[in-house]
Amino acid sequence: MDMSVESAVSAALGIKGAAAAQNQHNVLLRKVLDNQAQAITSLVDSMPKLATVGTVGTKLHVTA
């Protein structure tokens, strides 16, 4: 298998470019996921807290 220098360099540059593009996509994905995590955290934190002691609000009664 005889590979010329030009094709080897071209392949290496192509792989390097693809790796850089993938890295950019990963950074963007991480930012999106972090923003979603912050939004969900603020939503959960804004909900009223449920009772933890006493007889009212601590038990769930279900009749089928």
PDB file of N, CA and C in Angstrom:
ATOM      1  N   MET A   1       0.846  -1.168   0.000  1.00  0.00           N
ATOM      2  CA  MET A   1       0.000   0.000   0.000  1.00  0.00           C
ATOM      3  C   MET A   1       0.889   1.227   0.000  1.00  0.00           C
ATOM      4  N   ASP A   2       0.988   1.899  -1.119  1.00  0.00           N
ATOM      5  CA  ASP A   2       1.863   3.060  -1.272  1.00  0.00           C
ATOM      6  C   ASP A   2       1.051   4.335  -1.085  1.00  0.00           C
ATOM      7  N   MET A   3       1.315   5.027   0.013  1.00  0.00           N
ATOM      8  CA  MET A   3       0.580   6.256   0.311  1.00  0.00           C
ATOM      9  C   MET A   3       1.517   7.438   0.138  1.00  0.00           C
ATOM     10  N   SER A   4       1.099   8.402  -0.634  1.00  0.00           N
ATOM     11  CA  SER A   4       1.964   9.563  -0.864  1.00  0.00           C
ATOM     12  C   SER A   4       1.936  10.473   0.356  1.00  0.00           C
ATOM     13  N   VAL A   5       2.930  11.311   0.454  1.00  0.00           N
ATOM     14  CA  VAL A   5       3.053  12.233   1.579  1.00  0.00           C
ATOM     15  C   VAL A   5       1.886  13.217   1.584  1.00  0.00           C
ATOM     16  N   GLU A   6       1.491  13.670   0.407  1.00  0.00           N
ATOM     17  CA  GLU A   6       0.414  14.644   0.323  1.00  0.00           C
ATOM     18  C   GLU A   6      -0.902  14.074   0.852  1.00  0.00           C
ATOM     19  N   SER A   7      -1.195  12.846   0.495  1.00  0.00           N
ATOM     20  CA  SER A   7      -2.442  12.249   0.966  1.00  0.00           C
ATOM     21  C   SER A   7      -2.399  11.971   2.466  1.00  0.00           C
ATOM     22  N   ALA A   8      -1.226  11.633   2.980  1.00  0.00           N
ATOM     23  CA  ALA A   8      -1.090  11.411   4.417  1.00  0.00           C
ATOM     24  C   ALA A   8      -1.290  12.720   5.175  1.00  0.00           C
ATOM     25  N   VAL A   9      -0.706  13.806   4.670  1.00  0.00           N
ATOM     26  CA  VAL A   9      -0.868  15.117   5.304  1.00  0.00           C
ATOM     27  C   VAL A   9      -2.322  15.562   5.205  1.00  0.00           C
ATOM     28  N   SER A  10      -2.914  15.346   4.066  1.00  0.00           N
ATOM     29  CA  SER A  10      -4.314  15.716   3.882  1.00  0.00           C
ATOM     30  C   SER A  10      -5.221  14.952   4.841  1.00  0.00           C
ATOM     31  N   ALA A  11      -4.979  13.682   5.000  1.00  0.00           N
ATOM     32  CA  ALA A  11      -5.777  12.875   5.925  1.00  0.00           C
ATOM     33  C   ALA A  11      -5.580  13.345   7.361  1.00  0.00           C
ATOM     34  N   ALA A  12      -4.350  13.658   7.736  1.00  0.00           N
ATOM     35  CA  ALA A  12      -4.063  14.125   9.094  1.00  0.00           C
ATOM     36  C   ALA A  12      -4.751  15.458   9.366  1.00  0.00           C
ATOM     37  N   LEU A  13      -4.720  16.363   8.394  1.00  0.00           N
ATOM     38  CA  LEU A  13      -5.383  17.656   8.562  1.00  0.00           C
ATOM     39  C   LEU A  13      -6.899  17.489   8.639  1.00  0.00           C
ATOM     40  N   GLY A  14      -7.438  16.567   7.874  1.00  0.00           N
ATOM     41  CA  GLY A  14      -8.871  16.296   7.928  1.00  0.00           C
ATOM     42  C   GLY A  14      -9.297  15.763   9.282  1.00  0.00           C
ATOM     43  N   ILE A  15      -8.497  14.850   9.819  1.00  0.00           N
ATOM     44  CA  ILE A  15      -8.797  14.295  11.141  1.00  0.00           C
ATOM     45  C   ILE A  15      -8.683  15.378  12.202  1.00  0.00           C
ATOM     46  N   LYS A  16      -7.670  16.222  12.091  1.00  0.00           N
ATOM     47  CA  LYS A  16      -7.482  17.305  13.057  1.00  0.00           C
ATOM     48  C   LYS A  16      -8.664  18.269  13.011  1.00  0.00           C
ATOM     49  N   GLY A  17      -9.128  18.598  11.810  1.00  0.00           N
ATOM     50  CA  GLY A  17     -10.280  19.489  11.665  1.00  0.00           C
ATOM     51  C   GLY A  17     -11.552  18.876  12.228  1.00  0.00           C
ATOM     52  N   ALA A  18     -11.735  17.583  11.994  1.00  0.00           N
ATOM     53  CA  ALA A  18     -12.913  16.892  12.520  1.00  0.00           C
ATOM     54  C   ALA A  18     -12.872  16.840  14.041  1.00  0.00           C
ATOM     55  N   ALA A  19     -11.704  16.636  14.601  1.00  0.00           N
ATOM     56  CA  ALA A  19     -11.569  16.599  16.061  1.00  0.00           C
ATOM     57  C   ALA A  19     -11.863  17.975  16.658  1.00  0.00           C
ATOM     58  N   ALA A  20     -11.420  19.028  16.000  1.00  0.00           N
ATOM     59  CA  ALA A  20     -11.687  20.385  16.491  1.00  0.00           C
ATOM     60  C   ALA A  20     -13.179  20.687  16.431  1.00  0.00           C
ATOM     61  N   ALA A  21     -13.835  20.297  15.367  1.00  0.00           N
ATOM     62  CA  ALA A  21     -15.277  20.509  15.242  1.00  0.00           C
ATOM     63  C   ALA A  21     -16.027  19.721  16.312  1.00  0.00           C
ATOM     64  N   GLN A  22     -15.619  18.492  16.559  1.00  0.00           N
ATOM     65  CA  GLN A  22     -16.266  17.681  17.587  1.00  0.00           C
ATOM     66  C   GLN A  22     -16.073  18.305  18.961  1.00  0.00           C
ATOM     67  N   ASN A  23     -14.901  18.847  19.217  1.00  0.00           N
ATOM     68  CA  ASN A  23     -14.629  19.501  20.493  1.00  0.00           C
ATOM     69  C   ASN A  23     -15.540  20.715  20.667  1.00  0.00           C
ATOM     70  N   GLN A  24     -15.755  21.496  19.615  1.00  0.00           N
ATOM     71  CA  GLN A  24     -16.649  22.652  19.682  1.00  0.00           C
ATOM     72  C   GLN A  24     -18.081  22.211  19.978  1.00  0.00           C
ATOM     73  N   HIS A  25     -18.515  21.124  19.354  1.00  0.00           N
ATOM     74  CA  HIS A  25     -19.859  20.616  19.603  1.00  0.00           C
ATOM     75  C   HIS A  25     -19.997  20.137  21.054  1.00  0.00           C
ATOM     76  N   ASN A  26     -18.957  19.510  21.578  1.00  0.00           N
ATOM     77  CA  ASN A  26     -18.990  19.042  22.961  1.00  0.00           C
ATOM     78  C   ASN A  26     -19.075  20.197  23.944  1.00  0.00           C
ATOM     79  N   VAL A  27     -18.348  21.278  23.673  1.00  0.00           N
ATOM     80  CA  VAL A  27     -18.395  22.459  24.539  1.00  0.00           C
ATOM     81  C   VAL A  27     -19.796  23.065  24.518  1.00  0.00           C
ATOM     82  N   LEU A  28     -20.384  23.167  23.335  1.00  0.00           N
ATOM     83  CA  LEU A  28     -21.734  23.708  23.215  1.00  0.00           C
ATOM     84  C   LEU A  28     -22.742  22.822  23.947  1.00  0.00           C
ATOM     85  N   LEU A  29     -22.635  21.522  23.793  1.00  0.00           N
ATOM     86  CA  LEU A  29     -23.528  20.592  24.473  1.00  0.00           C
ATOM     87  C   LEU A  29     -23.407  20.729  25.980  1.00  0.00           C
ATOM     88  N   ARG A  30     -22.198  20.843  26.492  1.00  0.00           N
ATOM     89  CA  ARG A  30     -21.981  20.999  27.930  1.00  0.00           C
ATOM     90  C   ARG A  30     -22.655  22.277  28.433  1.00  0.00           C
ATOM     91  N   LYS A  31     -22.537  23.385  27.672  1.00  0.00           N
ATOM     92  CA  LYS A  31     -23.167  24.647  28.073  1.00  0.00           C
ATOM     93  C   LYS A  31     -24.690  24.509  28.104  1.00  0.00           C
ATOM     94  N   VAL A  32     -25.251  23.854  27.112  1.00  0.00           N
ATOM     95  CA  VAL A  32     -26.704  23.658  27.058  1.00  0.00           C
ATOM     96  C   VAL A  32     -27.165  22.809  28.242  1.00  0.00           C
ATOM     97  N   LEU A  33     -26.458  21.729  28.520  1.00  0.00           N
ATOM     98  CA  LEU A  33     -26.831  20.864  29.639  1.00  0.00           C
ATOM     99  C   LEU A  33     -26.696  21.580  30.978  1.00  0.00           C
ATOM    100  N   ASP A  34     -25.669  22.407  31.135  1.00  0.00           N
ATOM    101  CA  ASP A  34     -25.509  23.182  32.371  1.00  0.00           C
ATOM    102  C   ASP A  34     -26.647  24.182  32.536  1.00  0.00           C
ATOM    103  N   ASN A  35     -27.047  24.839  31.452  1.00  0.00           N
ATOM    104  CA  ASN A  35     -28.159  25.789  31.518  1.00  0.00           C
ATOM    105  C   ASN A  35     -29.460  25.074  31.879  1.00  0.00           C
ATOM    106  N   GLN A  36     -29.700  23.905  31.318  1.00  0.00           N
ATOM    107  CA  GLN A  36     -30.896  23.144  31.649  1.00  0.00           C
ATOM    108  C   GLN A  36     -30.881  22.702  33.107  1.00  0.00           C
ATOM    109  N   ALA A  37     -29.731  22.310  33.599  1.00  0.00           N
ATOM    110  CA  ALA A  37     -29.618  21.894  34.997  1.00  0.00           C
ATOM    111  C   ALA A  37     -29.918  23.062  35.928  1.00  0.00           C
ATOM    112  N   GLN A  38     -29.430  24.249  35.587  1.00  0.00           N
ATOM    113  CA  GLN A  38     -29.703  25.428  36.406  1.00  0.00           C
ATOM    114  C   GLN A  38     -31.190  25.778  36.383  1.00  0.00           C
ATOM    115  N   ALA A  39     -31.822  25.668  35.219  1.00  0.00           N
ATOM    116  CA  ALA A  39     -33.249  25.973  35.102  1.00  0.00           C
ATOM    117  C   ALA A  39     -34.078  24.995  35.926  1.00  0.00           C
ATOM    118  N   ILE A  40     -33.748  23.722  35.862  1.00  0.00           N
ATOM    119  CA  ILE A  40     -34.487  22.712  36.622  1.00  0.00           C
ATOM    120  C   ILE A  40     -34.267  22.907  38.113  1.00  0.00           C
ATOM    121  N   THR A  41     -33.046  23.211  38.513  1.00  0.00           N
ATOM    122  CA  THR A  41     -32.756  23.438  39.923  1.00  0.00           C
ATOM    123  C   THR A  41     -33.541  24.624  40.463  1.00  0.00           C
ATOM    124  N   SER A  42     -33.580  25.713  39.708  1.00  0.00           N
ATOM    125  CA  SER A  42     -34.330  26.887  40.175  1.00  0.00           C
ATOM    126  C   SER A  42     -35.827  26.599  40.221  1.00  0.00           C
ATOM    127  N   LEU A  43     -36.338  25.800  39.288  1.00  0.00           N
ATOM    128  CA  LEU A  43     -37.745  25.431  39.289  1.00  0.00           C
ATOM    129  C   LEU A  43     -38.086  24.578  40.509  1.00  0.00           C
ATOM    130  N   VAL A  44     -37.257  23.593  40.807  1.00  0.00           N
ATOM    131  CA  VAL A  44     -37.491  22.725  41.964  1.00  0.00           C
ATOM    132  C   VAL A  44     -37.362  23.525  43.260  1.00  0.00           C
ATOM    133  N   ASP A  45     -36.386  24.416  43.328  1.00  0.00           N
ATOM    134  CA  ASP A  45     -36.187  25.218  44.536  1.00  0.00           C
ATOM    135  C   ASP A  45     -37.335  26.192  44.774  1.00  0.00           C
ATOM    136  N   SER A  46     -38.030  26.611  43.714  1.00  0.00           N
ATOM    137  CA  SER A  46     -39.123  27.571  43.866  1.00  0.00           C
ATOM    138  C   SER A  46     -40.416  26.923  44.340  1.00  0.00           C
ATOM    139  N   MET A  47     -40.493  25.597  44.309  1.00  0.00           N
ATOM    140  CA  MET A  47     -41.699  24.908  44.753  1.00  0.00           C
ATOM    141  C   MET A  47     -41.786  24.947  46.279  1.00  0.00           C
ATOM    142  N   PRO A  48     -43.013  25.029  46.805  1.00  0.00           N
ATOM    143  CA  PRO A  48     -43.143  25.038  48.267  1.00  0.00           C
ATOM    144  C   PRO A  48     -42.709  23.703  48.863  1.00  0.00           C
ATOM    145  N   LYS A  49     -42.170  23.793  50.052  1.00  0.00           N
ATOM    146  CA  LYS A  49     -41.710  22.585  50.732  1.00  0.00           C
ATOM    147  C   LYS A  49     -42.905  21.875  51.366  1.00  0.00           C
ATOM    148  N   LEU A  50     -42.896  20.567  51.343  1.00  0.00           N
ATOM    149  CA  LEU A  50     -43.964  19.769  51.918  1.00  0.00           C
ATOM    150  C   LEU A  50     -43.714  19.557  53.404  1.00  0.00           C
ATOM    151  N   ALA A  51     -44.784  19.260  54.118  1.00  0.00           N
ATOM    152  CA  ALA A  51     -44.667  18.999  55.542  1.00  0.00           C
ATOM    153  C   ALA A  51     -43.879  17.720  55.783  1.00  0.00           C
ATOM    154  N   THR A  52     -43.084  17.724  56.840  1.00  0.00           N
ATOM    155  CA  THR A  52     -42.289  16.536  57.167  1.00  0.00           C
ATOM    156  C   THR A  52     -42.666  15.952  58.523  1.00  0.00           C
ATOM    157  N   VAL A  53     -43.383  16.727  59.351  1.00  0.00           N
ATOM    158  CA  VAL A  53     -43.819  16.233  60.662  1.00  0.00           C
ATOM    159  C   VAL A  53     -45.304  16.512  60.820  1.00  0.00           C
ATOM    160  N   GLY A  54     -45.956  15.757  61.672  1.00  0.00           N
ATOM    161  CA  GLY A  54     -47.372  15.960  61.922  1.00  0.00           C
ATOM    162  C   GLY A  54     -48.219  14.998  61.126  1.00  0.00           C
ATOM    163  N   THR A  55     -49.542  15.164  61.272  1.00  0.00           N
ATOM    164  CA  THR A  55     -50.448  14.246  60.622  1.00  0.00           C
ATOM    165  C   THR A  55     -51.017  14.818  59.311  1.00  0.00           C
ATOM    166  N   VAL A  56     -50.903  16.111  59.116  1.00  0.00           N
ATOM    167  CA  VAL A  56     -51.453  16.739  57.917  1.00  0.00           C
ATOM    168  C   VAL A  56     -50.331  16.956  56.894  1.00  0.00           C
ATOM    169  N   GLY A  57     -50.519  16.418  55.717  1.00  0.00           N
ATOM    170  CA  GLY A  57     -49.573  16.637  54.637  1.00  0.00           C
ATOM    171  C   GLY A  57     -48.388  15.703  54.599  1.00  0.00           C
ATOM    172  N   THR A  58     -48.343  14.745  55.504  1.00  0.00           N
ATOM    173  CA  THR A  58     -47.190  13.839  55.512  1.00  0.00           C
ATOM    174  C   THR A  58     -47.555  12.439  55.013  1.00  0.00           C
ATOM    175  N   LYS A  59     -48.851  12.167  54.845  1.00  0.00           N
ATOM    176  CA  LYS A  59     -49.284  10.847  54.392  1.00  0.00           C
ATOM    177  C   LYS A  59     -50.170  10.998  53.169  1.00  0.00           C
ATOM    178  N   LEU A  60     -50.107  10.035  52.309  1.00  0.00           N
ATOM    179  CA  LEU A  60     -50.936  10.011  51.112  1.00  0.00           C
ATOM    180  C   LEU A  60     -51.919   8.858  51.230  1.00  0.00           C
ATOM    181  N   HIS A  61     -53.220   9.182  51.169  1.00  0.00           N
ATOM    182  CA  HIS A  61     -54.261   8.168  51.276  1.00  0.00           C
ATOM    183  C   HIS A  61     -54.908   8.013  49.894  1.00  0.00           C
ATOM    184  N   VAL A  62     -54.883   6.797  49.380  1.00  0.00           N
ATOM    185  CA  VAL A  62     -55.408   6.542  48.059  1.00  0.00           C
ATOM    186  C   VAL A  62     -56.424   5.407  48.144  1.00  0.00           C
ATOM    187  N   THR A  63     -57.575   5.629  47.511  1.00  0.00           N
ATOM    188  CA  THR A  63     -58.586   4.581  47.423  1.00  0.00           C
ATOM    189  C   THR A  63     -58.776   4.232  45.965  1.00  0.00           C
ATOM    190  N   ALA A  64     -58.669   2.963  45.647  1.00  0.00           N
ATOM    191  CA  ALA A  64     -58.821   2.546  44.248  1.00  0.00           C
ATOM    192  C   ALA A  64     -60.233   2.114  43.980  1.00  0.00           C
TER     193      ALA A  64
END
